[in-house]
């Protein structure tokens, strides 16, 4: 950092960060007392409002898992679906996240819509779908996306970009020659929630937090307000 960027000198980074505006809004309204009994209904309401307001990539979410060394790991994925069973996403079984979830099938999802000052946090167990449902999800993707799945080397060290381009061209040729080609490692997953928290920002820092908790997989949801 040499003073030519927005942060200025290294010693001024803290002051620069503190000076950045947060909760610029327009912030959305939220009445926890009027929240529906099922968190899925409230999530879809918030998601639709984010999309209608033009929030970029409103269906993007951070998936957090536990790595083999016990440390946290996180990355951004796209939400596939949400229904009474839970929140769905897809992955390659041999990717880092796939291996991590095979070892410990628990995860968290985080959605953040800054325009409305809203955040949703989902925690629970992760269950793989049947091979048939996973295959249907893969076949609905574009040819280039399916070719990427065929590579099967996500997060491996890359020594030569030319090798990557050649491998992708070969994979794309296989997909185009066989439209029904399905990689068995592709897995549709459902995060079955035990906690779903809805967080609404307030400029005075009196943030509204409502958490849905379910003690058992088949039990009714309980709603609790949380301190900011």
Protein backbone atom coordinates (compact mmCIF):
# COMPACT_ATOMS: atom_id res chain seq x y z
CA UNK A 1 0.00 0.00 0.00
CA UNK A 2 1.72 3.22 -1.12
CA UNK A 3 -0.78 5.97 -0.41
CA UNK A 4 -2.23 6.01 -3.94
CA UNK A 5 -5.25 3.89 -3.08
CA UNK A 6 -8.33 4.62 -1.02
CA UNK A 7 -6.77 3.29 2.16
CA UNK A 8 -3.80 5.66 2.17
CA UNK A 9 -0.75 4.70 4.23
CA UNK A 10 -0.68 1.47 6.21
CA UNK A 11 -1.07 3.34 9.48
CA UNK A 12 -4.29 4.93 8.29
CA UNK A 13 -6.07 1.73 7.27
CA UNK A 14 -7.99 1.54 10.53
CA UNK A 15 -9.21 5.14 10.19
CA UNK A 16 -10.06 4.56 6.53
CA UNK A 17 -12.12 1.48 7.33
CA UNK A 18 -13.91 3.21 10.19
CA UNK A 19 -14.80 6.03 7.81
CA UNK A 20 -16.53 3.81 5.27
CA UNK A 21 -20.31 4.09 5.34
CA UNK A 22 -22.33 1.13 6.54
CA UNK A 23 -26.07 0.53 6.38
CA UNK A 24 -26.40 3.16 3.67
CA UNK A 25 -29.81 1.79 2.86
CA UNK A 26 -32.52 2.37 2.21
CA UNK A 27 -32.90 -0.16 5.02
CA UNK A 28 -35.91 -2.44 4.98
CA UNK A 29 -38.54 -2.69 7.71
CA UNK A 30 -38.97 -5.83 9.77
CA UNK A 31 -41.56 -6.64 12.41
CA UNK A 32 -40.51 -9.89 14.13
CA UNK A 33 -43.92 -10.13 15.75
CA UNK A 34 -45.52 -10.53 12.33
CA UNK A 35 -43.05 -13.18 11.13
CA UNK A 36 -44.57 -16.42 9.77
CA UNK A 37 -44.36 -19.69 11.67
CA UNK A 38 -42.02 -21.28 9.12
CA UNK A 39 -38.62 -19.71 8.40
CA UNK A 40 -38.76 -20.80 4.76
CA UNK A 41 -41.70 -18.46 4.17
CA UNK A 42 -39.85 -15.49 5.67
CA UNK A 43 -36.65 -16.34 3.78
CA UNK A 44 -38.46 -16.45 0.45
CA UNK A 45 -40.16 -13.14 1.25
CA UNK A 46 -36.81 -11.50 1.95
CA UNK A 47 -35.21 -13.09 -1.10
CA UNK A 48 -37.98 -11.90 -3.42
CA UNK A 49 -37.68 -8.38 -2.01
CA UNK A 50 -33.91 -8.42 -2.56
CA UNK A 51 -34.33 -9.56 -6.17
CA UNK A 52 -37.05 -6.97 -6.82
CA UNK A 53 -34.78 -4.24 -5.42
CA UNK A 54 -32.00 -5.22 -7.81
CA UNK A 55 -29.60 -6.65 -5.24
CA UNK A 56 -26.83 -8.31 -7.34
CA UNK A 57 -26.57 -12.08 -7.02
CA UNK A 58 -29.25 -12.17 -4.34
CA UNK A 59 -29.26 -15.97 -4.47
CA UNK A 60 -25.54 -16.19 -3.69
CA UNK A 61 -24.59 -17.52 -0.25
CA UNK A 62 -21.52 -18.36 1.79
CA UNK A 63 -21.22 -22.05 2.60
CA UNK A 64 -19.12 -22.70 5.71
CA UNK A 65 -17.79 -26.16 6.50
CA UNK A 66 -15.22 -27.74 8.82
CA UNK A 67 -11.92 -28.81 7.26
CA UNK A 68 -10.04 -31.96 8.16
CA UNK A 69 -7.73 -30.05 10.49
CA UNK A 70 -10.72 -28.75 12.46
CA UNK A 71 -10.52 -25.25 11.03
CA UNK A 72 -13.33 -23.41 9.30
CA UNK A 73 -13.56 -23.14 5.52
CA UNK A 74 -15.91 -20.96 3.50
CA UNK A 75 -16.76 -20.13 -0.10
CA UNK A 76 -19.62 -18.54 -2.06
CA UNK A 77 -22.11 -20.74 -3.90
CA UNK A 78 -25.47 -20.25 -5.58
CA UNK A 79 -28.66 -21.42 -3.92
CA UNK A 80 -30.37 -24.14 -5.95
CA UNK A 81 -33.70 -24.36 -4.16
CA UNK A 82 -35.36 -23.96 -0.79
CA UNK A 83 -38.45 -25.80 0.40
CA UNK A 84 -39.79 -27.61 3.43
CA UNK A 85 -36.82 -29.99 3.37
CA UNK A 86 -34.19 -27.25 3.55
CA UNK A 87 -31.74 -25.19 1.52
CA UNK A 88 -30.19 -26.90 -1.53
CA UNK A 89 -26.83 -26.49 -3.23
CA UNK A 90 -24.66 -28.70 -5.43
CA UNK A 91 -21.01 -29.73 -5.37
CA UNK A 92 -18.43 -32.14 -6.71
CA UNK A 93 -17.93 -34.94 -4.19
CA UNK A 94 -14.14 -34.77 -4.60
CA UNK A 95 -13.93 -31.01 -4.12
CA UNK A 96 -12.68 -29.74 -0.74
CA UNK A 97 -16.21 -28.93 0.39
CA UNK A 98 -17.42 -32.33 -0.79
CA UNK A 99 -14.72 -34.14 1.18
CA UNK A 100 -15.29 -31.96 4.22
CA UNK A 101 -19.02 -32.66 4.26
CA UNK A 102 -18.38 -36.37 3.80
CA UNK A 103 -16.26 -36.28 6.96
CA UNK A 104 -18.58 -34.02 8.95
CA UNK A 105 -22.00 -33.39 7.37
CA UNK A 106 -22.71 -30.13 9.15
CA UNK A 107 -22.58 -26.68 7.63
CA UNK A 108 -23.77 -23.10 7.78
CA UNK A 109 -25.13 -20.80 5.09
CA UNK A 110 -24.97 -17.02 5.17
CA UNK A 111 -26.93 -14.66 2.94
CA UNK A 112 -26.27 -10.91 3.00
CA UNK A 113 -28.29 -8.27 1.20
CA UNK A 114 -26.55 -4.95 2.01
CA UNK A 115 -29.04 -2.74 0.20
CA UNK A 116 -31.70 -3.76 2.71
CA UNK A 117 -29.31 -4.31 5.62
CA UNK A 118 -30.42 -7.90 5.93
CA UNK A 119 -28.62 -11.11 6.77
CA UNK A 120 -29.89 -14.68 7.06
CA UNK A 121 -27.88 -17.40 8.78
CA UNK A 122 -28.79 -21.08 8.45
CA UNK A 123 -27.18 -23.94 10.39
CA UNK A 124 -27.85 -27.66 10.19
CA UNK A 125 -26.92 -31.05 8.82
CA UNK A 126 -26.27 -31.76 5.15
CA UNK A 127 -27.88 -34.66 3.34
CA UNK A 128 -27.02 -35.82 -0.21
CA UNK A 129 -29.82 -36.29 -2.70
CA UNK A 130 -30.36 -39.46 -4.67
CA UNK A 131 -28.17 -40.08 -7.73
CA UNK A 132 -31.22 -39.49 -9.93
CA UNK A 133 -31.91 -36.02 -8.48
CA UNK A 134 -28.22 -35.11 -8.60
CA UNK A 135 -28.06 -36.19 -12.24
CA UNK A 136 -31.13 -34.09 -13.09
CA UNK A 137 -29.49 -31.05 -11.52
CA UNK A 138 -26.30 -31.58 -13.50
CA UNK A 139 -28.11 -32.08 -16.80
CA UNK A 140 -29.93 -28.77 -16.28
CA UNK A 141 -26.59 -26.91 -16.28
CA UNK A 142 -24.93 -25.45 -19.35
CA UNK A 143 -22.52 -27.54 -21.41
CA UNK A 144 -19.54 -25.49 -20.23
CA UNK A 145 -20.55 -25.88 -16.58
CA UNK A 146 -20.92 -29.64 -17.03
CA UNK A 147 -17.51 -29.77 -18.72
CA UNK A 148 -15.99 -28.07 -15.70
CA UNK A 149 -17.51 -30.80 -13.51
CA UNK A 150 -15.86 -33.40 -15.74
CA UNK A 151 -12.41 -31.99 -14.89
CA UNK A 152 -12.77 -33.13 -11.28
CA UNK A 153 -9.70 -31.23 -10.10
CA UNK A 154 -11.22 -28.35 -8.19
CA UNK A 155 -8.69 -26.55 -5.95
CA UNK A 156 -5.74 -28.71 -7.09
CA UNK A 157 -2.51 -26.85 -7.80
CA UNK A 158 -2.39 -25.55 -11.38
CA UNK A 159 1.09 -25.44 -12.91
CA UNK A 160 0.15 -24.73 -16.53
CA UNK A 161 -2.89 -22.74 -17.69
CA UNK A 162 -2.51 -24.31 -21.11
CA UNK A 163 -3.14 -27.73 -19.58
CA UNK A 164 -6.32 -26.41 -18.01
CA UNK A 165 -7.58 -25.03 -21.34
CA UNK A 166 -6.82 -28.30 -23.15
CA UNK A 167 -8.55 -30.36 -20.46
CA UNK A 168 -11.62 -28.12 -20.60
CA UNK A 169 -11.83 -28.37 -24.41
CA UNK A 170 -11.63 -32.16 -24.21
CA UNK A 171 -14.28 -32.29 -21.49
CA UNK A 172 -16.57 -29.99 -23.45
CA UNK A 173 -16.20 -32.22 -26.51
CA UNK A 174 -17.25 -35.24 -24.43
CA UNK A 175 -20.30 -33.41 -23.10
CA UNK A 176 -21.36 -32.19 -26.53
CA UNK A 177 -20.96 -35.65 -28.04
CA UNK A 178 -23.01 -37.24 -25.25
CA UNK A 179 -25.75 -34.88 -24.02
CA UNK A 180 -26.82 -37.45 -21.39
CA UNK A 181 -23.32 -37.73 -19.89
CA UNK A 182 -23.49 -37.49 -16.09
CA UNK A 183 -20.54 -37.32 -13.74
CA UNK A 184 -21.44 -39.51 -10.73
CA UNK A 185 -19.44 -37.26 -8.40
CA UNK A 186 -21.88 -34.39 -8.86
CA UNK A 187 -24.06 -34.21 -5.75
CA UNK A 188 -27.13 -32.19 -4.94
CA UNK A 189 -27.19 -31.49 -1.21
CA UNK A 190 -29.81 -30.25 1.22
CA UNK A 191 -28.93 -28.40 4.39
CA UNK A 192 -31.60 -29.45 6.87
CA UNK A 193 -31.79 -26.52 9.30
CA UNK A 194 -31.85 -26.55 13.07
CA UNK A 195 -31.32 -22.77 13.41
CA UNK A 196 -32.39 -20.02 11.00
CA UNK A 197 -31.63 -16.44 12.05
CA UNK A 198 -32.99 -13.29 10.41
CA UNK A 199 -30.98 -10.12 11.05
CA UNK A 200 -32.24 -6.65 10.19
CA UNK A 201 -29.77 -3.78 10.47
CA UNK A 202 -30.56 -0.54 12.28
CA UNK A 203 -28.49 2.64 11.92
CA UNK A 204 -28.59 3.15 15.68
CA UNK A 205 -27.26 -0.39 16.14
CA UNK A 206 -30.50 -1.66 17.65
CA UNK A 207 -30.46 -4.49 15.14
CA UNK A 208 -33.48 -6.77 15.09
CA UNK A 209 -32.65 -10.46 15.33
CA UNK A 210 -35.13 -13.31 15.15
CA UNK A 211 -33.98 -16.90 15.38
CA UNK A 212 -36.05 -19.95 14.54
CA UNK A 213 -34.96 -23.03 16.48
CA UNK A 214 -36.13 -26.61 16.06
CA UNK A 215 -35.15 -29.02 18.86
CA UNK A 216 -35.96 -32.10 16.76
CA UNK A 217 -36.12 -32.87 13.03
CA UNK A 218 -39.90 -33.25 13.06
CA UNK A 219 -40.77 -30.80 15.81
CA UNK A 220 -42.38 -27.38 15.42
CA UNK A 221 -40.27 -24.26 15.02
CA UNK A 222 -39.74 -22.04 18.05
CA UNK A 223 -39.09 -18.31 17.58
CA UNK A 224 -36.81 -16.26 19.81
CA UNK A 225 -35.71 -12.64 19.70
CA UNK A 226 -31.97 -12.14 20.22
CA UNK A 227 -30.00 -9.28 21.69
CA UNK A 228 -28.23 -7.18 19.04
